Amino acid sequence: MKVELFDFDLPERLIAQVPLKERDASRLMVLDKKTGEITHSTFKHVIDFLNAGDCIVLNDTRVLPARLYGVKEETGAKVEVLLLKQEEGDVWETLVKPAKRVKRGTVLSFGDGRLTAVCTEELEHGGRKIEFRYEGIFYEVLESLGEMPLPPYIKEQLDDRERYQTVYSKKQGSAAAPTAGLHFTEEILDALRKKGVHIAFITLHVGLGTFRPVSAENVEEHDMHAEFYEMSEETAALLNRVRQEGGKIISVGTTSTRTLETIASEHDGRFREARGWTSIFIYPGYTFRAIDGMITNFHLPKSSLIMLVSALAGREHVLSAYRTAVEHEYRFFSFGDAMLIK
């Protein structure tokens, strides 16, 4: 299957650069995955499209302020470090710019020495393993020194870093936000509960591979990145009960979808307490075992994300919906509008 089949024309002006003042003021396109029929609404009314007994599944990961600006202690040369994944102890896999300045043994300093680090290993494509040294609690130091690692297509500065977190974010570990969840407010969550819609939480720590383009010519040749996930026994029991009672499982975001499908595919369509690394790559032809629908944003052309959405709703339906979104000037990507596939 050719990657070009998932291309579409997107005017740059439709790439949302800043979040709306109110989270739930975003527009909502509702797509019937069987017929391709489209309904236009706003996210405040998402509750109208969900039924009592259904369950929405949210990713409660929290984005790290993972971009650090520092200097080489020896020369004072400026260096940018982006945290990707925690290894053992205080060793992290990172991306460094410019990487040529940081060799094994190089010592870096951040925040006038409040945080220091030494390069322990050189990796490919600007990757470095770095061991940090500090006093106190690492995440507290990071909160004071780090910046949010916004996607490369967002050029504007973010005034309030909490707008790149979901209101239910809890577990530190992501290099990017699960952006489909940015539309939710506490009021919407309360309204869903009152209607009888169940709310479940999983965790998947989003890696920067989310933004990596599919460089292969054929979809099947793409090497999917791995991300850490976990599901509690409580969430697994709730999802099994919802399925048994005939409710629909609606994942919020591609991250929740990949977690649910990973677990269900490994346990014959059922859910169990689980944790591990997933590199599941979902594209048309995939048979879904876990979800009935999903809430998602509008994604990049030729990305693994639009392929996942196309697997659920059909490539022709999705591309037709995207053309409609462009015509109606929906906002795209991380701070953009939402789509409910049901």
Protein backbone atom coordinates (compact mmCIF):
# COMPACT_ATOMS: atom_id res chain seq x y z
CA MET A 1 0.00 0.00 0.00
CA LYS A 2 1.51 3.31 -1.10
CA VAL A 3 2.04 6.09 1.45
CA GLU A 4 0.94 8.58 -1.23
CA LEU A 5 -2.61 7.26 -0.85
CA PHE A 6 -2.82 9.16 2.44
CA ASP A 7 -1.81 12.56 1.09
CA PHE A 8 -4.10 15.61 0.96
CA ASP A 9 -3.76 19.35 0.36
CA LEU A 10 -3.57 21.39 3.54
CA PRO A 11 -3.21 25.18 3.51
CA GLU A 12 -0.63 26.25 6.07
CA ARG A 13 -3.03 28.83 7.49
CA LEU A 14 -5.17 26.00 8.91
CA ILE A 15 -2.39 24.73 11.19
CA ALA A 16 -3.45 25.97 14.62
CA GLN A 17 -0.60 27.85 16.29
CA VAL A 18 -2.22 28.58 19.65
CA PRO A 19 -5.00 26.95 21.68
CA LEU A 20 -8.43 28.55 21.79
CA LYS A 21 -9.27 30.57 24.90
CA GLU A 22 -11.74 27.89 26.02
CA ARG A 23 -10.76 24.23 25.62
CA ASP A 24 -14.25 23.05 24.64
CA ALA A 25 -14.83 25.86 22.12
CA SER A 26 -13.16 23.81 19.40
CA ARG A 27 -15.27 22.52 16.54
CA LEU A 28 -16.28 18.87 16.35
CA MET A 29 -16.77 16.88 13.17
CA VAL A 30 -18.73 13.67 13.71
CA LEU A 31 -17.99 10.99 11.11
CA ASP A 32 -20.11 7.87 10.66
CA LYS A 33 -17.53 5.20 9.89
CA LYS A 34 -20.03 3.02 8.06
CA THR A 35 -21.63 5.59 5.75
CA GLY A 36 -19.14 8.47 5.72
CA GLU A 37 -21.93 10.86 6.76
CA ILE A 38 -20.65 14.04 8.44
CA THR A 39 -22.23 16.15 11.18
CA HIS A 40 -20.78 19.51 12.22
CA SER A 41 -20.92 20.47 15.88
CA THR A 42 -18.77 21.89 18.68
CA PHE A 43 -16.90 19.99 21.36
CA LYS A 44 -19.18 21.36 24.08
CA HIS A 45 -21.85 19.08 22.59
CA VAL A 46 -19.78 15.89 22.39
CA ILE A 47 -21.99 14.48 25.14
CA ASP A 48 -24.92 14.47 22.67
CA PHE A 49 -23.16 11.82 20.56
CA LEU A 50 -22.39 9.40 23.40
CA ASN A 51 -24.85 7.12 25.18
CA ALA A 52 -25.27 5.87 28.74
CA GLY A 53 -23.29 2.65 29.08
CA ASP A 54 -20.58 3.77 26.68
CA CYS A 55 -17.05 4.26 27.95
CA ILE A 56 -14.49 6.85 26.91
CA VAL A 57 -10.84 5.97 27.52
CA LEU A 58 -8.43 8.80 28.37
CA ASN A 59 -4.63 8.82 28.42
CA ASP A 60 -3.53 10.36 31.73
CA THR A 61 0.11 10.90 30.77
CA ARG A 62 1.67 14.26 31.60
CA VAL A 63 4.09 16.09 29.32
CA LEU A 64 7.53 16.78 30.69
CA PRO A 65 9.01 20.26 30.16
CA ALA A 66 11.58 18.24 28.28
CA ARG A 67 13.50 20.91 26.34
CA LEU A 68 16.56 22.22 28.16
CA TYR A 69 18.94 24.99 27.12
CA GLY A 70 22.43 24.82 28.55
CA VAL A 71 26.13 25.22 27.86
CA LYS A 72 29.24 23.08 27.64
CA GLU A 73 31.10 23.63 30.91
CA GLU A 74 34.47 23.58 29.16
CA THR A 75 33.78 26.17 26.43
CA GLY A 76 30.46 27.86 27.23
CA ALA A 77 29.08 26.81 23.83
CA LYS A 78 25.28 26.77 23.79
CA VAL A 79 23.50 23.39 23.57
CA GLU A 80 19.84 22.33 23.37
CA VAL A 81 18.83 19.00 24.91
CA LEU A 82 15.46 17.28 24.41
CA LEU A 83 14.60 14.45 26.80
CA LEU A 84 13.12 11.43 25.04
CA LYS A 85 13.15 8.43 27.36
CA GLN A 86 14.38 7.66 30.85
CA GLU A 87 16.77 4.75 31.00
CA GLU A 88 18.15 3.38 34.27
CA GLY A 89 18.37 5.82 37.16
CA ASP A 90 19.23 9.35 36.04
CA VAL A 91 20.33 8.32 32.54
CA TRP A 92 18.11 9.60 29.71
CA GLU A 93 18.03 9.08 25.99
CA THR A 94 18.02 12.57 24.45
CA LEU A 95 18.32 14.54 21.24
CA VAL A 96 21.06 17.16 21.26
CA LYS A 97 21.53 20.20 19.01
CA PRO A 98 24.14 20.76 17.73
CA ALA A 99 25.11 17.14 18.36
CA LYS A 100 28.66 17.63 17.09
CA ARG A 101 29.42 19.71 20.20
CA VAL A 102 28.55 16.87 22.57
CA LYS A 103 30.85 13.85 22.62
CA ARG A 104 31.14 11.08 25.18
CA GLY A 105 32.43 12.63 28.40
CA THR A 106 31.17 16.15 27.59
CA VAL A 107 29.82 17.92 30.70
CA LEU A 108 26.79 20.20 30.32
CA SER A 109 25.38 22.80 32.68
CA PHE A 110 21.81 24.11 32.93
CA GLY A 111 20.39 26.94 35.02
CA ASP A 112 23.74 28.24 36.28
CA GLY A 113 24.73 24.80 37.48
CA ARG A 114 21.50 23.80 39.23
CA LEU A 115 21.44 20.85 36.86
CA THR A 116 24.49 19.27 35.25
CA ALA A 117 24.92 16.30 32.97
CA VAL A 118 27.57 14.16 31.33
CA CYS A 119 27.26 12.44 27.95
CA THR A 120 27.70 8.68 28.46
CA GLU A 121 26.99 7.40 24.95
CA GLU A 122 26.72 8.73 21.39
CA LEU A 123 23.75 7.48 19.34
CA GLU A 124 22.67 7.98 15.72
CA HIS A 125 20.89 11.05 14.31
CA GLY A 126 21.87 13.43 17.09
CA GLY A 127 20.91 11.06 19.88
CA ARG A 128 22.88 11.02 23.12
CA LYS A 129 22.57 9.20 26.42
CA ILE A 130 23.07 11.68 29.23
CA GLU A 131 23.37 11.15 32.98
CA PHE A 132 22.01 14.04 35.06
CA ARG A 133 23.34 15.30 38.38
CA TYR A 134 21.29 17.51 40.71
CA GLU A 135 20.13 18.14 44.24
CA GLY A 136 16.57 17.44 45.33
CA ILE A 137 13.88 15.95 43.10
CA PHE A 138 14.65 15.71 39.39
CA TYR A 139 11.14 16.52 38.15
CA GLU A 140 10.95 19.62 40.33
CA VAL A 141 14.27 20.84 38.92
CA LEU A 142 13.01 20.08 35.42
CA GLU A 143 9.79 22.01 36.02
CA SER A 144 11.77 25.12 36.88
CA LEU A 145 14.33 24.89 34.06
CA GLY A 146 12.65 23.07 31.18
CA GLU A 147 10.35 24.26 28.39
CA MET A 148 7.45 22.45 26.76
CA PRO A 149 8.58 20.53 23.65
CA LEU A 150 5.92 21.83 21.27
CA PRO A 151 5.64 20.11 17.87
CA PRO A 152 7.88 21.48 15.10
CA TYR A 153 4.95 22.89 13.11
CA ILE A 154 3.97 25.22 15.98
CA LYS A 155 5.95 28.44 15.72
CA GLU A 156 4.19 30.52 18.40
CA GLN A 157 5.22 30.60 22.05
CA LEU A 158 2.83 29.07 24.58
CA ASP A 159 1.89 31.57 27.30
CA ASP A 160 0.41 28.97 29.67
CA ARG A 161 2.20 25.62 29.63
CA GLU A 162 -0.84 23.93 31.20
CA ARG A 163 -2.67 24.39 27.89
CA TYR A 164 -0.38 21.69 26.50
CA GLN A 165 -1.57 19.36 29.27
CA THR A 166 -4.94 17.65 29.56
CA VAL A 167 -7.01 18.59 32.62
CA TYR A 168 -6.65 14.97 33.81
CA SER A 169 -2.89 14.62 33.20
CA LYS A 170 -1.28 12.77 36.07
CA LYS A 171 1.74 10.58 35.27
CA GLN A 172 4.92 12.33 34.14
CA GLY A 173 6.66 10.86 31.13
CA SER A 174 5.60 12.21 27.73
CA ALA A 175 7.59 14.20 25.21
CA ALA A 176 4.33 15.33 23.58
CA ALA A 177 0.70 15.75 24.62
CA PRO A 178 -2.09 13.28 23.79
CA THR A 179 -3.75 16.17 21.98
CA ALA A 180 -7.23 14.70 21.44
CA GLY A 181 -7.70 15.09 25.18
CA LEU A 182 -6.93 18.81 25.22
CA HIS A 183 -10.58 19.60 24.37
CA PHE A 184 -11.96 18.10 27.58
CA THR A 185 -12.89 20.20 30.61
CA GLU A 186 -13.88 19.09 34.11
CA GLU A 187 -17.42 20.26 33.27
CA ILE A 188 -17.62 17.97 30.24
CA LEU A 189 -16.27 15.03 32.23
CA ASP A 190 -18.85 15.65 34.97
CA ALA A 191 -21.66 15.89 32.40
CA LEU A 192 -20.59 12.60 30.82
CA ARG A 193 -20.62 10.86 34.20
CA LYS A 194 -24.08 12.24 34.98
CA LYS A 195 -25.34 10.88 31.66
CA GLY A 196 -24.04 7.44 32.56
CA VAL A 197 -21.01 7.43 30.30
CA HIS A 198 -18.12 5.59 31.97
CA ILE A 199 -14.67 7.18 32.07
CA ALA A 200 -11.56 5.01 32.14
CA PHE A 201 -7.87 5.90 32.24
CA ILE A 202 -4.82 4.29 30.70
CA THR A 203 -1.29 5.61 30.35
CA LEU A 204 0.89 5.81 27.26
CA HIS A 205 3.94 8.04 27.36
CA VAL A 206 4.04 9.77 23.99
CA GLY A 207 7.40 9.83 22.23
CA LEU A 208 8.64 12.20 19.56
CA GLY A 209 8.26 9.37 17.04
CA THR A 210 4.66 10.58 16.91
CA PHE A 211 5.88 13.45 14.73
CA ARG A 212 8.28 11.39 12.65
CA PRO A 213 7.15 11.31 9.01
CA VAL A 214 6.59 8.03 7.22
CA SER A 215 9.62 8.05 4.95
CA ALA A 216 9.04 4.63 3.38
CA GLU A 217 7.37 4.45 -0.02
CA ASN A 218 5.13 1.58 1.07
CA VAL A 219 3.12 1.68 4.31
CA GLU A 220 4.14 -1.84 5.28
CA GLU A 221 7.83 -0.85 5.31
CA HIS A 222 7.45 1.84 7.99
CA ASP A 223 9.31 1.14 11.23
CA MET A 224 6.99 2.20 14.06
CA HIS A 225 8.47 3.70 17.23
CA ALA A 226 7.91 2.05 20.63
CA GLU A 227 6.18 3.74 23.57
CA PHE A 228 5.59 2.66 27.18
CA TYR A 229 2.02 1.89 28.28
CA GLU A 230 0.16 0.56 31.27
CA MET A 231 -3.41 -0.37 32.19
CA SER A 232 -4.66 -0.95 35.73
CA GLU A 233 -6.73 -3.91 36.87
CA GLU A 234 -9.57 -1.47 37.62
CA THR A 235 -9.62 -0.11 34.05
CA ALA A 236 -9.43 -3.61 32.56
CA ALA A 237 -12.40 -4.78 34.66
CA LEU A 238 -14.47 -1.72 33.67
CA LEU A 239 -13.78 -2.17 29.96
CA ASN A 240 -14.64 -5.88 30.08
CA ARG A 241 -17.90 -5.04 31.86
CA VAL A 242 -18.81 -2.33 29.33
CA ARG A 243 -18.17 -4.77 26.48
CA GLN A 244 -20.22 -7.50 28.17
CA GLU A 245 -23.15 -5.11 28.73
CA GLY A 246 -23.19 -3.92 25.13
CA GLY A 247 -21.70 -0.45 25.60
CA LYS A 248 -19.31 1.09 23.11
CA ILE A 249 -15.66 1.76 23.88
CA ILE A 250 -14.53 5.14 22.55
CA SER A 251 -10.81 5.84 22.74
CA VAL A 252 -9.64 9.43 23.07
CA GLY A 253 -6.65 9.83 20.78
CA THR A 254 -4.40 7.54 18.82
CA THR A 255 -2.34 6.89 21.96
CA SER A 256 -5.30 5.41 23.85
CA THR A 257 -6.21 3.46 20.72
CA ARG A 258 -2.76 1.92 20.36
CA THR A 259 -2.72 0.95 24.04
CA LEU A 260 -6.15 -0.67 23.97
CA GLU A 261 -5.51 -2.52 20.73
CA THR A 262 -2.13 -3.77 21.96
CA ILE A 263 -3.66 -5.29 25.08
CA ALA A 264 -6.78 -6.69 23.39
CA SER A 265 -4.79 -8.25 20.57
CA GLU A 266 -2.60 -10.06 23.09
CA HIS A 267 -5.52 -11.36 25.17
CA ASP A 268 -8.04 -12.59 22.62
CA GLY A 269 -10.10 -9.39 22.57
CA ARG A 270 -10.27 -8.99 26.33
CA PHE A 271 -8.59 -6.51 28.66
CA ARG A 272 -6.16 -7.29 31.44
CA GLU A 273 -3.88 -5.37 33.76
CA ALA A 274 -0.77 -4.85 31.66
CA ARG A 275 2.34 -2.75 31.17
CA GLY A 276 5.11 -2.78 28.60
CA TRP A 277 6.26 -1.28 25.31
CA THR A 278 4.14 -1.16 22.18
CA SER A 279 5.19 -0.55 18.61
CA ILE A 280 1.83 -1.52 17.13
CA PHE A 281 1.29 0.05 13.70
CA ILE A 282 -2.38 0.30 12.70
CA TYR A 283 -3.24 0.96 9.07
CA PRO A 284 -6.06 -0.10 6.69
CA GLY A 285 -6.57 -3.84 6.73
CA TYR A 286 -6.18 -3.99 10.51
CA THR A 287 -8.99 -5.72 12.45
CA PHE A 288 -9.91 -3.77 15.59
CA ARG A 289 -10.30 -5.85 18.74
CA ALA A 290 -10.76 -3.16 21.39
CA ILE A 291 -12.53 0.01 20.27
CA ASP A 292 -15.81 0.91 18.59
CA GLY A 293 -15.00 4.56 17.94
CA MET A 294 -12.56 7.31 18.76
CA ILE A 295 -12.11 11.02 19.34
CA THR A 296 -9.09 12.42 17.55
CA ASN A 297 -7.66 15.60 16.05
CA PHE A 298 -6.92 16.27 12.37
CA HIS A 299 -3.53 14.85 11.44
CA LEU A 300 -0.60 15.40 9.12
CA PRO A 301 -0.77 14.17 5.51
CA LYS A 302 0.92 10.79 4.99
CA SER A 303 1.39 10.30 8.76
CA SER A 304 0.99 7.07 10.71
CA LEU A 305 -1.84 8.83 12.58
CA ILE A 306 -4.03 9.41 9.53
CA MET A 307 -3.36 5.79 8.57
CA LEU A 308 -4.68 4.65 11.94
CA VAL A 309 -7.81 6.78 11.56
CA SER A 310 -8.29 5.42 8.03
CA ALA A 311 -8.08 1.88 9.36
CA LEU A 312 -11.08 2.61 11.59
CA ALA A 313 -13.28 4.69 9.29
CA GLY A 314 -12.03 3.77 5.81
CA ARG A 315 -9.49 5.70 3.75
CA GLU A 316 -12.03 7.19 1.34
CA HIS A 317 -14.34 8.31 4.15
CA VAL A 318 -11.45 9.89 6.05
CA LEU A 319 -9.95 11.71 3.08
CA SER A 320 -13.40 12.97 2.10
CA ALA A 321 -13.90 14.22 5.67
CA TYR A 322 -10.51 15.93 5.57
CA ARG A 323 -11.38 17.68 2.31
CA THR A 324 -14.59 18.88 3.98
CA ALA A 325 -12.58 20.06 7.00
CA VAL A 326 -10.32 22.11 4.72
CA GLU A 327 -13.32 23.59 2.88
CA HIS A 328 -14.93 24.56 6.21
CA GLU A 329 -11.59 25.82 7.56
CA TYR A 330 -11.31 23.50 10.53
CA ARG A 331 -8.13 24.00 12.58
CA PHE A 332 -5.55 21.19 12.22
CA PHE A 333 -3.04 19.34 14.42
CA SER A 334 -2.21 19.65 18.13
CA PHE A 335 -4.17 22.82 18.98
CA GLY A 336 -6.78 22.23 16.29
CA ASP A 337 -10.34 20.93 16.16
CA ALA A 338 -11.66 17.44 16.88
CA MET A 339 -13.26 14.55 15.07
CA LEU A 340 -15.49 11.88 16.60
CA ILE A 341 -15.60 8.64 14.64
CA LYS A 342 -18.55 6.46 15.61
